[in-house]
Amino acid sequence: MSSTMTYRVEFVERTGLELLEGGRGTARYRMPLAGNENHVGVMYMGAFTVLAEATAAIPGISILDTARFYPIIKDIAVSFHKMAASDVFAEFALDEPTLEGILADLERKGSATYLAEFPMHDAGGGVVATGKVTVKLLSHGWQKD
């Protein structure tokens, strides 16, 4: 049961990142090429990183009571496979048993961690990159032992 509070990051908003589908434990995004091109006219690597971060984090955030918990990115890696001269798409989902385990960890110890690994596709469906992101969810009162 998540609250209505949302996390806004103006930097991310400036990229034009678009949530195409979101729900309990799932996210599908589009990163537009327009405005995110590098010096040779293809997707800038930083845009892939923003896409990977959002795609990984939103499935966990979707189950949070944000008055009690918040997300952080523990680490992120984007493996680049080929240049993308189009919009880029990514999706990731956490299954229900994983979501229940995350919620149990949050209640029991005030923190939970999950790993998101997923491909990123160009408009033609070709894999252009792979995201690997470790997401940590913490209670507002969490303190490291």
C-alpha atoms as a PDB file:
ATOM      1  CA  MET A   1       0.000   0.000   0.000  1.00  0.00           C
ATOM      2  CA  SER A   2       1.922   2.882  -1.281  1.00  0.00           C
ATOM      3  CA  SER A   3       1.177   6.470  -0.392  1.00  0.00           C
ATOM      4  CA  THR A   4       0.522   9.162  -2.955  1.00  0.00           C
ATOM      5  CA  MET A   5       3.934  10.760  -2.464  1.00  0.00           C
ATOM      6  CA  THR A   6       6.103  10.573  -5.558  1.00  0.00           C
ATOM      7  CA  TYR A   7       9.800  11.010  -6.021  1.00  0.00           C
ATOM      8  CA  ARG A   8      10.740  13.736  -8.481  1.00  0.00           C
ATOM      9  CA  VAL A   9      14.156  14.247  -9.970  1.00  0.00           C
ATOM     10  CA  GLU A  10      14.271  17.248 -12.290  1.00  0.00           C
ATOM     11  CA  PHE A  11      17.367  15.908 -14.060  1.00  0.00           C
ATOM     12  CA  VAL A  12      15.442  12.783 -15.048  1.00  0.00           C
ATOM     13  CA  GLU A  13      12.415  14.808 -16.121  1.00  0.00           C
ATOM     14  CA  ARG A  14      14.585  16.863 -18.496  1.00  0.00           C
ATOM     15  CA  THR A  15      15.478  13.678 -20.423  1.00  0.00           C
ATOM     16  CA  GLY A  16      11.858  13.187 -21.463  1.00  0.00           C
ATOM     17  CA  LEU A  17      11.803   9.687 -19.952  1.00  0.00           C
ATOM     18  CA  GLU A  18       8.272   8.326 -20.309  1.00  0.00           C
ATOM     19  CA  LEU A  19       6.599   5.675 -18.174  1.00  0.00           C
ATOM     20  CA  LEU A  20       4.634   3.559 -20.643  1.00  0.00           C
ATOM     21  CA  GLU A  21       3.329   1.055 -18.131  1.00  0.00           C
ATOM     22  CA  GLY A  22       3.574   0.867 -14.376  1.00  0.00           C
ATOM     23  CA  GLY A  23       1.824  -1.059 -11.678  1.00  0.00           C
ATOM     24  CA  ARG A  24       2.489  -3.238  -8.683  1.00  0.00           C
ATOM     25  CA  GLY A  25       6.028  -4.495  -9.200  1.00  0.00           C
ATOM     26  CA  THR A  26       6.367  -3.528 -12.841  1.00  0.00           C
ATOM     27  CA  ALA A  27       7.647  -0.738 -15.068  1.00  0.00           C
ATOM     28  CA  ARG A  28       8.092  -0.185 -18.795  1.00  0.00           C
ATOM     29  CA  TYR A  29       9.818   2.982 -20.013  1.00  0.00           C
ATOM     30  CA  ARG A  30      10.763   4.816 -23.196  1.00  0.00           C
ATOM     31  CA  MET A  31      13.809   7.052 -23.376  1.00  0.00           C
ATOM     32  CA  PRO A  32      13.460   9.366 -26.382  1.00  0.00           C
ATOM     33  CA  LEU A  33      16.422   9.828 -28.675  1.00  0.00           C
ATOM     34  CA  ALA A  34      15.437  13.478 -29.253  1.00  0.00           C
ATOM     35  CA  GLY A  35      17.323  15.600 -26.737  1.00  0.00           C
ATOM     36  CA  ASN A  36      19.476  12.674 -25.592  1.00  0.00           C
ATOM     37  CA  GLU A  37      21.823  12.348 -28.558  1.00  0.00           C
ATOM     38  CA  ASN A  38      25.582  12.398 -28.180  1.00  0.00           C
ATOM     39  CA  HIS A  39      28.074  14.091 -30.506  1.00  0.00           C
ATOM     40  CA  VAL A  40      27.553  11.454 -33.245  1.00  0.00           C
ATOM     41  CA  GLY A  41      23.733  11.474 -33.157  1.00  0.00           C
ATOM     42  CA  VAL A  42      23.056   8.279 -31.190  1.00  0.00           C
ATOM     43  CA  MET A  43      21.759   7.755 -27.636  1.00  0.00           C
ATOM     44  CA  TYR A  44      24.083   9.278 -25.031  1.00  0.00           C
ATOM     45  CA  MET A  45      25.325   6.753 -22.482  1.00  0.00           C
ATOM     46  CA  GLY A  46      23.993   8.860 -19.603  1.00  0.00           C
ATOM     47  CA  ALA A  47      20.479   8.466 -21.021  1.00  0.00           C
ATOM     48  CA  PHE A  48      20.871   4.668 -20.864  1.00  0.00           C
ATOM     49  CA  THR A  49      21.882   5.019 -17.211  1.00  0.00           C
ATOM     50  CA  VAL A  50      18.821   7.124 -16.359  1.00  0.00           C
ATOM     51  CA  LEU A  51      16.617   4.591 -18.171  1.00  0.00           C
ATOM     52  CA  ALA A  52      18.211   1.699 -16.250  1.00  0.00           C
ATOM     53  CA  GLU A  53      17.821   3.437 -12.886  1.00  0.00           C
ATOM     54  CA  ALA A  54      14.135   4.244 -13.341  1.00  0.00           C
ATOM     55  CA  THR A  55      13.254   0.862 -14.829  1.00  0.00           C
ATOM     56  CA  ALA A  56      14.896  -0.937 -11.906  1.00  0.00           C
ATOM     57  CA  ALA A  57      13.642   1.283  -9.092  1.00  0.00           C
ATOM     58  CA  ILE A  58       9.967   1.781  -9.939  1.00  0.00           C
ATOM     59  CA  PRO A  59       8.896  -1.858  -9.397  1.00  0.00           C
ATOM     60  CA  GLY A  60      10.164  -1.654  -5.796  1.00  0.00           C
ATOM     61  CA  ILE A  61       8.892   1.864  -5.215  1.00  0.00           C
ATOM     62  CA  SER A  62       5.438   0.759  -6.408  1.00  0.00           C
ATOM     63  CA  ILE A  63       4.887  -1.252  -3.211  1.00  0.00           C
ATOM     64  CA  LEU A  64       6.344   1.267  -0.751  1.00  0.00           C
ATOM     65  CA  ASP A  65       4.540   3.283   1.842  1.00  0.00           C
ATOM     66  CA  THR A  66       6.688   6.308   1.027  1.00  0.00           C
ATOM     67  CA  ALA A  67       5.830   7.928   4.347  1.00  0.00           C
ATOM     68  CA  ARG A  68       7.855   5.089   5.926  1.00  0.00           C
ATOM     69  CA  PHE A  69      10.341   3.951   3.263  1.00  0.00           C
ATOM     70  CA  TYR A  70      12.514   5.359   0.467  1.00  0.00           C
ATOM     71  CA  PRO A  71      14.664   3.926  -2.348  1.00  0.00           C
ATOM     72  CA  ILE A  72      18.344   4.381  -3.159  1.00  0.00           C
ATOM     73  CA  ILE A  73      20.461   2.915  -5.927  1.00  0.00           C
ATOM     74  CA  LYS A  74      23.270   0.887  -4.400  1.00  0.00           C
ATOM     75  CA  ASP A  75      25.055   0.319  -7.704  1.00  0.00           C
ATOM     76  CA  ILE A  76      24.377   0.477 -11.408  1.00  0.00           C
ATOM     77  CA  ALA A  77      26.034  -0.870 -14.536  1.00  0.00           C
ATOM     78  CA  VAL A  78      25.032  -0.486 -18.144  1.00  0.00           C
ATOM     79  CA  SER A  79      26.641  -2.808 -20.658  1.00  0.00           C
ATOM     80  CA  PHE A  80      26.531  -1.162 -24.049  1.00  0.00           C
ATOM     81  CA  HIS A  81      26.038  -3.592 -26.984  1.00  0.00           C
ATOM     82  CA  LYS A  82      25.448  -1.376 -29.999  1.00  0.00           C
ATOM     83  CA  MET A  83      24.575   2.196 -30.872  1.00  0.00           C
ATOM     84  CA  ALA A  84      20.932   3.240 -30.681  1.00  0.00           C
ATOM     85  CA  ALA A  85      19.769   5.722 -33.288  1.00  0.00           C
ATOM     86  CA  SER A  86      16.155   5.561 -32.048  1.00  0.00           C
ATOM     87  CA  ASP A  87      14.166   5.752 -28.842  1.00  0.00           C
ATOM     88  CA  VAL A  88      15.157   3.044 -26.354  1.00  0.00           C
ATOM     89  CA  PHE A  89      12.771   0.893 -24.314  1.00  0.00           C
ATOM     90  CA  ALA A  90      13.219  -1.119 -21.120  1.00  0.00           C
ATOM     91  CA  GLU A  91      10.996  -3.085 -18.790  1.00  0.00           C
ATOM     92  CA  PHE A  92      11.422  -4.954 -15.541  1.00  0.00           C
ATOM     93  CA  ALA A  93       9.063  -6.702 -13.149  1.00  0.00           C
ATOM     94  CA  LEU A  94       9.298  -8.269  -9.716  1.00  0.00           C
ATOM     95  CA  ASP A  95       7.091 -11.308  -9.170  1.00  0.00           C
ATOM     96  CA  GLU A  96       4.658 -11.491  -6.276  1.00  0.00           C
ATOM     97  CA  PRO A  97       6.784 -13.804  -4.049  1.00  0.00           C
ATOM     98  CA  THR A  98       9.728 -11.401  -4.436  1.00  0.00           C
ATOM     99  CA  LEU A  99       7.527  -8.404  -3.617  1.00  0.00           C
ATOM    100  CA  GLU A 100       6.213 -10.170  -0.504  1.00  0.00           C
ATOM    101  CA  GLY A 101       9.799 -10.964   0.557  1.00  0.00           C
ATOM    102  CA  ILE A 102      10.812  -7.329   0.105  1.00  0.00           C
ATOM    103  CA  LEU A 103       7.883  -6.155   2.220  1.00  0.00           C
ATOM    104  CA  ALA A 104       8.703  -8.734   4.918  1.00  0.00           C
ATOM    105  CA  ASP A 105      12.350  -7.599   5.028  1.00  0.00           C
ATOM    106  CA  LEU A 106      11.274  -3.957   5.285  1.00  0.00           C
ATOM    107  CA  GLU A 107       9.002  -4.730   8.234  1.00  0.00           C
ATOM    108  CA  ARG A 108      11.491  -7.027   9.961  1.00  0.00           C
ATOM    109  CA  LYS A 109      14.763  -5.146   9.546  1.00  0.00           C
ATOM    110  CA  GLY A 110      13.930  -1.790   7.936  1.00  0.00           C
ATOM    111  CA  SER A 111      15.741  -2.527   4.683  1.00  0.00           C
ATOM    112  CA  ALA A 112      15.471  -4.715   1.605  1.00  0.00           C
ATOM    113  CA  THR A 113      17.604  -5.153  -1.499  1.00  0.00           C
ATOM    114  CA  TYR A 114      16.955  -6.567  -4.936  1.00  0.00           C
ATOM    115  CA  LEU A 115      18.878  -6.910  -8.192  1.00  0.00           C
ATOM    116  CA  ALA A 116      17.318  -5.893 -11.492  1.00  0.00           C
ATOM    117  CA  GLU A 117      18.846  -7.152 -14.744  1.00  0.00           C
ATOM    118  CA  PHE A 118      17.130  -6.417 -18.047  1.00  0.00           C
ATOM    119  CA  PRO A 119      17.778  -5.687 -21.719  1.00  0.00           C
ATOM    120  CA  MET A 120      17.210  -2.314 -23.345  1.00  0.00           C
ATOM    121  CA  HIS A 121      15.844  -2.376 -26.904  1.00  0.00           C
ATOM    122  CA  ASP A 122      15.873   0.068 -29.785  1.00  0.00           C
ATOM    123  CA  ALA A 123      12.702   0.855 -31.746  1.00  0.00           C
ATOM    124  CA  GLY A 124      13.339  -2.160 -33.982  1.00  0.00           C
ATOM    125  CA  GLY A 125      13.498  -4.530 -31.001  1.00  0.00           C
ATOM    126  CA  GLY A 126      17.269  -5.054 -31.091  1.00  0.00           C
ATOM    127  CA  VAL A 127      19.113  -5.255 -27.781  1.00  0.00           C
ATOM    128  CA  VAL A 128      21.330  -2.184 -27.514  1.00  0.00           C
ATOM    129  CA  ALA A 129      22.302  -2.396 -23.832  1.00  0.00           C
ATOM    130  CA  THR A 130      21.778  -4.361 -20.641  1.00  0.00           C
ATOM    131  CA  GLY A 131      21.074  -2.769 -17.267  1.00  0.00           C
ATOM    132  CA  LYS A 132      22.163  -4.298 -13.968  1.00  0.00           C
ATOM    133  CA  VAL A 133      20.995  -2.294 -10.947  1.00  0.00           C
ATOM    134  CA  THR A 134      20.999  -3.015  -7.219  1.00  0.00           C
ATOM    135  CA  VAL A 135      18.119  -1.227  -5.524  1.00  0.00           C
ATOM    136  CA  LYS A 136      17.986  -0.772  -1.765  1.00  0.00           C
ATOM    137  CA  LEU A 137      14.807   0.175   0.044  1.00  0.00           C
ATOM    138  CA  LEU A 138      15.172   1.679   3.517  1.00  0.00           C
ATOM    139  CA  SER A 139      12.944   2.835   6.329  1.00  0.00           C
ATOM    140  CA  HIS A 140      13.211   6.521   7.194  1.00  0.00           C
ATOM    141  CA  GLY A 141      14.530   5.482  10.630  1.00  0.00           C
ATOM    142  CA  TRP A 142      16.955   2.849   9.333  1.00  0.00           C
ATOM    143  CA  GLN A 143      20.462   2.867  10.791  1.00  0.00           C
ATOM    144  CA  LYS A 144      23.308   0.625   9.779  1.00  0.00           C
ATOM    145  CA  ASP A 145      24.344  -1.756  12.565  1.00  0.00           C
END
